[in-house]
PDB file of N, CA and C in Angstrom:
ATOM      1  N   MET A   1     110.659  95.378 112.508  1.00  0.00           N
ATOM      2  CA  MET A   1     110.424  94.072 113.073  1.00  0.00           C
ATOM      3  C   MET A   1     109.335  93.361 112.295  1.00  0.00           C
ATOM      4  N   SER A   2     109.493  92.064 112.255  1.00  0.00           N
ATOM      5  CA  SER A   2     108.520  91.241 111.568  1.00  0.00           C
ATOM      6  C   SER A   2     107.447  90.790 112.547  1.00  0.00           C
ATOM      7  N   SER A   3     106.249  90.669 112.056  1.00  0.00           N
ATOM      8  CA  SER A   3     105.152  90.200 112.914  1.00  0.00           C
ATOM      9  C   SER A   3     104.872  88.720 112.689  1.00  0.00           C
ATOM     10  N   LYS A   4     105.789  88.065 112.053  1.00  0.00           N
ATOM     11  CA  LYS A   4     105.623  86.640 111.757  1.00  0.00           C
ATOM     12  C   LYS A   4     105.757  85.825 113.049  1.00  0.00           C
ATOM     13  N   THR A   5     104.855  84.879 113.252  1.00  0.00           N
ATOM     14  CA  THR A   5     104.926  84.010 114.427  1.00  0.00           C
ATOM     15  C   THR A   5     105.051  82.559 113.980  1.00  0.00           C
ATOM     16  N   ILE A   6     105.721  81.808 114.788  1.00  0.00           N
ATOM     17  CA  ILE A   6     105.917  80.380 114.497  1.00  0.00           C
ATOM     18  C   ILE A   6     105.149  79.588 115.532  1.00  0.00           C
ATOM     19  N   PRO A   7     104.170  78.798 115.078  1.00  0.00           N
ATOM     20  CA  PRO A   7     103.404  78.015 116.046  1.00  0.00           C
ATOM     21  C   PRO A   7     104.233  76.826 116.544  1.00  0.00           C
ATOM     22  N   PHE A   8     104.088  76.503 117.801  1.00  0.00           N
ATOM     23  CA  PHE A   8     104.764  75.356 118.387  1.00  0.00           C
ATOM     24  C   PHE A   8     103.786  74.207 118.486  1.00  0.00           C
ATOM     25  N   LYS A   9     104.220  73.045 118.027  1.00  0.00           N
ATOM     26  CA  LYS A   9     103.371  71.858 118.101  1.00  0.00           C
ATOM     27  C   LYS A   9     103.620  71.146 119.424  1.00  0.00           C
ATOM     28  N   GLN A  10     102.575  70.562 119.936  1.00  0.00           N
ATOM     29  CA  GLN A  10     102.724  69.744 121.130  1.00  0.00           C
ATOM     30  C   GLN A  10     103.472  68.475 120.739  1.00  0.00           C
ATOM     31  N   PRO A  11     104.387  68.012 121.589  1.00  0.00           N
ATOM     32  CA  PRO A  11     105.097  66.780 121.245  1.00  0.00           C
ATOM     33  C   PRO A  11     104.115  65.617 121.117  1.00  0.00           C
ATOM     34  N   GLY A  12     104.371  64.783 120.130  1.00  0.00           N
ATOM     35  CA  GLY A  12     103.512  63.623 119.905  1.00  0.00           C
ATOM     36  C   GLY A  12     103.816  62.515 120.891  1.00  0.00           C
ATOM     37  N   GLU A  13     103.183  61.406 120.655  1.00  0.00           N
ATOM     38  CA  GLU A  13     103.387  60.240 121.513  1.00  0.00           C
ATOM     39  C   GLU A  13     104.811  59.732 121.345  1.00  0.00           C
ATOM     40  N   LEU A  14     105.410  59.325 122.436  1.00  0.00           N
ATOM     41  CA  LEU A  14     106.767  58.795 122.370  1.00  0.00           C
ATOM     42  C   LEU A  14     106.769  57.488 121.597  1.00  0.00           C
ATOM     43  N   PRO A  15     107.867  57.204 120.861  1.00  0.00           N
ATOM     44  CA  PRO A  15     107.922  55.949 120.116  1.00  0.00           C
ATOM     45  C   PRO A  15     107.906  54.757 121.062  1.00  0.00           C
ATOM     46  N   LYS A  16     107.448  53.638 120.523  1.00  0.00           N
ATOM     47  CA  LYS A  16     107.410  52.402 121.303  1.00  0.00           C
ATOM     48  C   LYS A  16     108.832  51.947 121.592  1.00  0.00           C
ATOM     49  N   PRO A  17     109.019  51.134 122.622  1.00  0.00           N
ATOM     50  CA  PRO A  17     110.358  50.585 122.866  1.00  0.00           C
ATOM     51  C   PRO A  17     110.853  49.820 121.640  1.00  0.00           C
ATOM     52  N   ALA A  18     112.158  49.775 121.466  1.00  0.00           N
ATOM     53  CA  ALA A  18     112.752  49.152 120.282  1.00  0.00           C
ATOM     54  C   ALA A  18     112.283  47.717 120.091  1.00  0.00           C
ATOM     55  N   ASP A  19     112.107  46.971 121.180  1.00  0.00           N
ATOM     56  CA  ASP A  19     111.688  45.578 121.056  1.00  0.00           C
ATOM     57  C   ASP A  19     110.329  45.458 120.383  1.00  0.00           C
ATOM     58  N   ASP A  20     109.466  46.441 120.558  1.00  0.00           N
ATOM     59  CA  ASP A  20     108.131  46.386 119.964  1.00  0.00           C
ATOM     60  C   ASP A  20     108.169  46.587 118.452  1.00  0.00           C
ATOM     61  N   TRP A  21     109.009  47.512 117.974  1.00  0.00           N
ATOM     62  CA  TRP A  21     108.997  47.772 116.541  1.00  0.00           C
ATOM     63  C   TRP A  21     110.028  46.980 115.764  1.00  0.00           C
ATOM     64  N   VAL A  22     111.041  46.451 116.410  1.00  0.00           N
ATOM     65  CA  VAL A  22     112.010  45.618 115.718  1.00  0.00           C
ATOM     66  C   VAL A  22     111.421  44.237 115.490  1.00  0.00           C
ATOM     67  N   GLY A  23     110.705  43.730 116.448  1.00  0.00           N
ATOM     68  CA  GLY A  23     110.102  42.415 116.322  1.00  0.00           C
ATOM     69  C   GLY A  23     110.911  41.384 117.070  1.00  0.00           C
ATOM     70  N   ALA A  24     110.238  40.376 117.488  1.00  0.00           N
ATOM     71  CA  ALA A  24     110.887  39.303 118.233  1.00  0.00           C
ATOM     72  C   ALA A  24     111.629  38.390 117.277  1.00  0.00           C
ATOM     73  N   PRO A  25     112.680  37.732 117.731  1.00  0.00           N
ATOM     74  CA  PRO A  25     113.368  36.774 116.865  1.00  0.00           C
ATOM     75  C   PRO A  25     112.422  35.641 116.482  1.00  0.00           C
ATOM     76  N   GLN A  26     112.679  35.054 115.323  1.00  0.00           N
ATOM     77  CA  GLN A  26     111.820  33.989 114.823  1.00  0.00           C
ATOM     78  C   GLN A  26     111.900  32.739 115.683  1.00  0.00           C
ATOM     79  N   GLN A  27     113.039  32.496 116.296  1.00  0.00           N
ATOM     80  CA  GLN A  27     113.218  31.321 117.136  1.00  0.00           C
ATOM     81  C   GLN A  27     113.004  31.723 118.587  1.00  0.00           C
ATOM     82  N   PRO A  28     112.046  31.096 119.277  1.00  0.00           N
ATOM     83  CA  PRO A  28     111.829  31.461 120.676  1.00  0.00           C
ATOM     84  C   PRO A  28     113.039  31.139 121.531  1.00  0.00           C
ATOM     85  N   ALA A  29     113.242  31.929 122.570  1.00  0.00           N
ATOM     86  CA  ALA A  29     114.404  31.763 123.435  1.00  0.00           C
ATOM     87  C   ALA A  29     114.407  30.411 124.138  1.00  0.00           C
ATOM     88  N   ALA A  30     113.245  29.832 124.378  1.00  0.00           N
ATOM     89  CA  ALA A  30     113.161  28.564 125.098  1.00  0.00           C
ATOM     90  C   ALA A  30     113.765  27.405 124.303  1.00  0.00           C
ATOM     91  N   THR A  31     113.812  27.513 122.966  1.00  0.00           N
ATOM     92  CA  THR A  31     114.331  26.414 122.156  1.00  0.00           C
ATOM     93  C   THR A  31     115.803  26.589 121.791  1.00  0.00           C
ATOM     94  N   LYS A  32     116.437  27.649 122.276  1.00  0.00           N
ATOM     95  CA  LYS A  32     117.847  27.855 121.967  1.00  0.00           C
ATOM     96  C   LYS A  32     118.692  26.776 122.633  1.00  0.00           C
ATOM     97  N   LYS A  33     119.767  26.420 121.953  1.00  0.00           N
ATOM     98  CA  LYS A  33     120.694  25.437 122.497  1.00  0.00           C
ATOM     99  C   LYS A  33     121.468  26.053 123.661  1.00  0.00           C
ATOM    100  N   PRO A  34     121.835  25.250 124.640  1.00  0.00           N
ATOM    101  CA  PRO A  34     122.646  25.791 125.724  1.00  0.00           C
ATOM    102  C   PRO A  34     124.051  26.119 125.224  1.00  0.00           C
ATOM    103  N   LYS A  35     124.712  27.012 125.915  1.00  0.00           N
ATOM    104  CA  LYS A  35     126.088  27.357 125.536  1.00  0.00           C
ATOM    105  C   LYS A  35     126.981  26.135 125.697  1.00  0.00           C
ATOM    106  N   VAL A  36     128.138  26.198 125.071  1.00  0.00           N
ATOM    107  CA  VAL A  36     129.081  25.094 125.107  1.00  0.00           C
ATOM    108  C   VAL A  36     129.510  24.828 126.540  1.00  0.00           C
ATOM    109  N   VAL A  37     129.511  23.570 126.901  1.00  0.00           N
ATOM    110  CA  VAL A  37     129.923  23.169 128.239  1.00  0.00           C
ATOM    111  C   VAL A  37     131.298  22.524 128.126  1.00  0.00           C
ATOM    112  N   GLY A  38     132.165  22.817 129.067  1.00  0.00           N
ATOM    113  CA  GLY A  38     133.506  22.232 129.054  1.00  0.00           C
ATOM    114  C   GLY A  38     134.530  23.224 128.540  1.00  0.00           C
ATOM    115  N   GLN A  39     135.736  22.723 128.383  1.00  0.00           N
ATOM    116  CA  GLN A  39     136.834  23.576 127.941  1.00  0.00           C
ATOM    117  C   GLN A  39     136.656  23.931 126.468  1.00  0.00           C
ATOM    118  N   THR A  40     137.076  25.136 126.125  1.00  0.00           N
ATOM    119  CA  THR A  40     136.985  25.588 124.736  1.00  0.00           C
ATOM    120  C   THR A  40     138.306  26.208 124.311  1.00  0.00           C
ATOM    121  N   LYS A  41     138.473  26.346 123.027  1.00  0.00           N
ATOM    122  CA  LYS A  41     139.620  27.041 122.421  1.00  0.00           C
ATOM    123  C   LYS A  41     139.060  28.068 121.460  1.00  0.00           C
ATOM    124  N   ARG A  42     139.690  29.225 121.390  1.00  0.00           N
ATOM    125  CA  ARG A  42     139.241  30.283 120.492  1.00  0.00           C
ATOM    126  C   ARG A  42     139.790  30.042 119.099  1.00  0.00           C
ATOM    127  N   LEU A  43     138.952  30.261 118.097  1.00  0.00           N
ATOM    128  CA  LEU A  43     139.316  30.113 116.696  1.00  0.00           C
ATOM    129  C   LEU A  43     139.001  31.429 115.994  1.00  0.00           C
ATOM    130  N   THR A  44     139.994  32.036 115.379  1.00  0.00           N
ATOM    131  CA  THR A  44     139.791  33.300 114.679  1.00  0.00           C
ATOM    132  C   THR A  44     139.879  33.049 113.191  1.00  0.00           C
ATOM    133  N   VAL A  45     138.869  33.497 112.465  1.00  0.00           N
ATOM    134  CA  VAL A  45     138.826  33.293 111.015  1.00  0.00           C
ATOM    135  C   VAL A  45     138.529  34.625 110.350  1.00  0.00           C
ATOM    136  N   ASP A  46     139.311  34.969 109.333  1.00  0.00           N
ATOM    137  CA  ASP A  46     139.051  36.174 108.552  1.00  0.00           C
ATOM    138  C   ASP A  46     138.136  35.809 107.391  1.00  0.00           C
ATOM    139  N   VAL A  47     137.043  36.545 107.251  1.00  0.00           N
ATOM    140  CA  VAL A  47     136.106  36.322 106.148  1.00  0.00           C
ATOM    141  C   VAL A  47     135.873  37.660 105.448  1.00  0.00           C
ATOM    142  N   PRO A  48     135.487  37.624 104.166  1.00  0.00           N
ATOM    143  CA  PRO A  48     135.201  38.878 103.469  1.00  0.00           C
ATOM    144  C   PRO A  48     134.070  39.646 104.164  1.00  0.00           C
ATOM    145  N   GLU A  49     134.134  40.966 104.078  1.00  0.00           N
ATOM    146  CA  GLU A  49     133.162  41.811 104.769  1.00  0.00           C
ATOM    147  C   GLU A  49     131.729  41.515 104.335  1.00  0.00           C
ATOM    148  N   ASN A  50     131.516  41.290 103.033  1.00  0.00           N
ATOM    149  CA  ASN A  50     130.146  41.031 102.570  1.00  0.00           C
ATOM    150  C   ASN A  50     129.624  39.684 103.086  1.00  0.00           C
ATOM    151  N   LEU A  51     130.475  38.693 103.242  1.00  0.00           N
ATOM    152  CA  LEU A  51     130.059  37.413 103.821  1.00  0.00           C
ATOM    153  C   LEU A  51     129.708  37.593 105.289  1.00  0.00           C
ATOM    154  N   HIS A  52     130.527  38.327 106.020  1.00  0.00           N
ATOM    155  CA  HIS A  52     130.251  38.584 107.441  1.00  0.00           C
ATOM    156  C   HIS A  52     128.902  39.291 107.601  1.00  0.00           C
ATOM    157  N   ARG A  53     128.635  40.246 106.719  1.00  0.00           N
ATOM    158  CA  ARG A  53     127.371  40.983 106.785  1.00  0.00           C
ATOM    159  C   ARG A  53     126.189  40.038 106.552  1.00  0.00           C
ATOM    160  N   ARG A  54     126.301  39.141 105.560  1.00  0.00           N
ATOM    161  CA  ARG A  54     125.213  38.187 105.285  1.00  0.00           C
ATOM    162  C   ARG A  54     124.994  37.256 106.459  1.00  0.00           C
ATOM    163  N   ILE A  55     126.081  36.777 107.057  1.00  0.00           N
ATOM    164  CA  ILE A  55     125.968  35.891 108.226  1.00  0.00           C
ATOM    165  C   ILE A  55     125.295  36.629 109.377  1.00  0.00           C
ATOM    166  N   LYS A  56     125.711  37.858 109.611  1.00  0.00           N
ATOM    167  CA  LYS A  56     125.178  38.643 110.728  1.00  0.00           C
ATOM    168  C   LYS A  56     123.689  38.933 110.545  1.00  0.00           C
ATOM    169  N   VAL A  57     123.287  39.264 109.323  1.00  0.00           N
ATOM    170  CA  VAL A  57     121.869  39.524 109.040  1.00  0.00           C
ATOM    171  C   VAL A  57     121.053  38.259 109.243  1.00  0.00           C
ATOM    172  N   HIS A  58     121.566  37.136 108.759  1.00  0.00           N
ATOM    173  CA  HIS A  58     120.860  35.856 108.921  1.00  0.00           C
ATOM    174  C   HIS A  58     120.696  35.522 110.404  1.00  0.00           C
ATOM    175  N   CYS A  59     121.764  35.643 111.157  1.00  0.00           N
ATOM    176  CA  CYS A  59     121.716  35.309 112.587  1.00  0.00           C
ATOM    177  C   CYS A  59     120.786  36.243 113.352  1.00  0.00           C
ATOM    178  N   ALA A  60     120.783  37.518 112.995  1.00  0.00           N
ATOM    179  CA  ALA A  60     119.874  38.457 113.649  1.00  0.00           C
ATOM    180  C   ALA A  60     118.427  38.081 113.370  1.00  0.00           C
ATOM    181  N   GLY A  61     118.141  37.666 112.144  1.00  0.00           N
ATOM    182  CA  GLY A  61     116.783  37.250 111.793  1.00  0.00           C
ATOM    183  C   GLY A  61     116.351  35.985 112.494  1.00  0.00           C
ATOM    184  N   GLU A  62     117.285  35.096 112.735  1.00  0.00           N
ATOM    185  CA  GLU A  62     116.985  33.832 113.395  1.00  0.00           C
ATOM    186  C   GLU A  62     117.067  33.932 114.917  1.00  0.00           C
ATOM    187  N   GLY A  63     117.640  35.009 115.410  1.00  0.00           N
ATOM    188  CA  GLY A  63     117.808  35.160 116.856  1.00  0.00           C
ATOM    189  C   GLY A  63     118.903  34.268 117.408  1.00  0.00           C
ATOM    190  N   THR A  64     119.920  34.001 116.596  1.00  0.00           N
ATOM    191  CA  THR A  64     121.028  33.158 117.025  1.00  0.00           C
ATOM    192  C   THR A  64     122.322  33.962 117.027  1.00  0.00           C
ATOM    193  N   GLN A  65     123.359  33.382 117.599  1.00  0.00           N
ATOM    194  CA  GLN A  65     124.667  34.021 117.594  1.00  0.00           C
ATOM    195  C   GLN A  65     125.511  33.415 116.475  1.00  0.00           C
ATOM    196  N   ILE A  66     126.389  34.237 115.910  1.00  0.00           N
ATOM    197  CA  ILE A  66     127.269  33.767 114.842  1.00  0.00           C
ATOM    198  C   ILE A  66     128.093  32.581 115.326  1.00  0.00           C
ATOM    199  N   SER A  67     128.591  32.645 116.539  1.00  0.00           N
ATOM    200  CA  SER A  67     129.437  31.565 117.046  1.00  0.00           C
ATOM    201  C   SER A  67     128.679  30.234 117.092  1.00  0.00           C
ATOM    202  N   ASP A  68     127.388  30.266 117.429  1.00  0.00           N
ATOM    203  CA  ASP A  68     126.604  29.030 117.459  1.00  0.00           C
ATOM    204  C   ASP A  68     126.442  28.438 116.065  1.00  0.00           C
ATOM    205  N   VAL A  69     126.203  29.294 115.072  1.00  0.00           N
ATOM    206  CA  VAL A  69     126.037  28.820 113.699  1.00  0.00           C
ATOM    207  C   VAL A  69     127.345  28.229 113.180  1.00  0.00           C
ATOM    208  N   VAL A  70     128.445  28.937 113.411  1.00  0.00           N
ATOM    209  CA  VAL A  70     129.752  28.452 112.946  1.00  0.00           C
ATOM    210  C   VAL A  70     130.101  27.138 113.644  1.00  0.00           C
ATOM    211  N   ARG A  71     129.841  27.052 114.940  1.00  0.00           N
ATOM    212  CA  ARG A  71     130.120  25.827 115.697  1.00  0.00           C
ATOM    213  C   ARG A  71     129.326  24.646 115.130  1.00  0.00           C
ATOM    214  N   ASP A  72     128.040  24.875 114.825  1.00  0.00           N
ATOM    215  CA  ASP A  72     127.213  23.809 114.245  1.00  0.00           C
ATOM    216  C   ASP A  72     127.746  23.364 112.886  1.00  0.00           C
ATOM    217  N   LEU A  73     128.171  24.320 112.061  1.00  0.00           N
ATOM    218  CA  LEU A  73     128.730  23.967 110.750  1.00  0.00           C
ATOM    219  C   LEU A  73     130.017  23.158 110.892  1.00  0.00           C
ATOM    220  N   LEU A  74     130.859  23.544 111.850  1.00  0.00           N
ATOM    221  CA  LEU A  74     132.103  22.805 112.062  1.00  0.00           C
ATOM    222  C   LEU A  74     131.830  21.394 112.584  1.00  0.00           C
ATOM    223  N   LEU A  75     130.866  21.258 113.489  1.00  0.00           N
ATOM    224  CA  LEU A  75     130.522  19.929 113.994  1.00  0.00           C
ATOM    225  C   LEU A  75     129.945  19.051 112.895  1.00  0.00           C
ATOM    226  N   GLU A  76     129.213  19.644 111.976  1.00  0.00           N
ATOM    227  CA  GLU A  76     128.665  18.894 110.846  1.00  0.00           C
ATOM    228  C   GLU A  76     129.787  18.421 109.915  1.00  0.00           C
ATOM    229  N   GLN A  77     130.748  19.293 109.671  1.00  0.00           N
ATOM    230  CA  GLN A  77     131.880  18.957 108.785  1.00  0.00           C
ATOM    231  C   GLN A  77     132.852  17.985 109.439  1.00  0.00           C
ATOM    232  N   PHE A  78     133.034  18.115 110.746  1.00  0.00           N
ATOM    233  CA  PHE A  78     133.993  17.290 111.474  1.00  0.00           C
ATOM    234  C   PHE A  78     133.298  16.573 112.623  1.00  0.00           C
ATOM    235  N   PRO A  79     132.500  15.557 112.321  1.00  0.00           N
ATOM    236  CA  PRO A  79     131.779  14.847 113.394  1.00  0.00           C
ATOM    237  C   PRO A  79     132.747  14.107 114.309  1.00  0.00           C
ATOM    238  N   ASN A  80     132.298  13.876 115.518  1.00  0.00           N
ATOM    239  CA  ASN A  80     133.102  13.159 116.502  1.00  0.00           C
ATOM    240  C   ASN A  80     133.019  11.658 116.202  1.00  0.00           C
ATOM    241  N   ILE A  81     134.010  11.160 115.509  1.00  0.00           N
ATOM    242  CA  ILE A  81     134.035   9.747 115.131  1.00  0.00           C
ATOM    243  C   ILE A  81     134.999   9.030 116.069  1.00  0.00           C
ATOM    244  N   THR A  82     134.487   8.029 116.760  1.00  0.00           N
ATOM    245  CA  THR A  82     135.355   7.252 117.650  1.00  0.00           C
ATOM    246  C   THR A  82     135.841   6.022 116.901  1.00  0.00           C
ATOM    247  N   GLU A  83     137.107   5.741 117.084  1.00  0.00           N
ATOM    248  CA  GLU A  83     137.719   4.576 116.425  1.00  0.00           C
ATOM    249  C   GLU A  83     137.362   3.321 117.206  1.00  0.00           C
ATOM    250  N   THR A  84     137.006   2.288 116.499  1.00  0.00           N
ATOM    251  CA  THR A  84     136.763   0.983 117.127  1.00  0.00           C
ATOM    252  C   THR A  84     137.824   0.017 116.629  1.00  0.00           C
ATOM    253  N   SER A  85     138.611  -0.541 117.537  1.00  0.00           N
ATOM    254  CA  SER A  85     139.635  -1.497 117.127  1.00  0.00           C
ATOM    255  C   SER A  85     139.691  -2.681 118.026  1.00  0.00           C
TER     256      SER A  85
END
């Protein structure tokens, strides 16, 4: 038999909650736009995986949702123009 012993360490301090070490979003929640009001239609778009990853990383850093960013881009490209006649 071996007389070798293995010392046991006391468990260290538990890690902080994820919110503490991940960090808060750059945009405070109070300034977020409200969700879309009224009837909506779903739009499905296929994008390359690397583009989706870049969008997702950007939105996570800004504390926004992908759908809000895409909606804003679409509204910018297709503004609500009323005809006057």
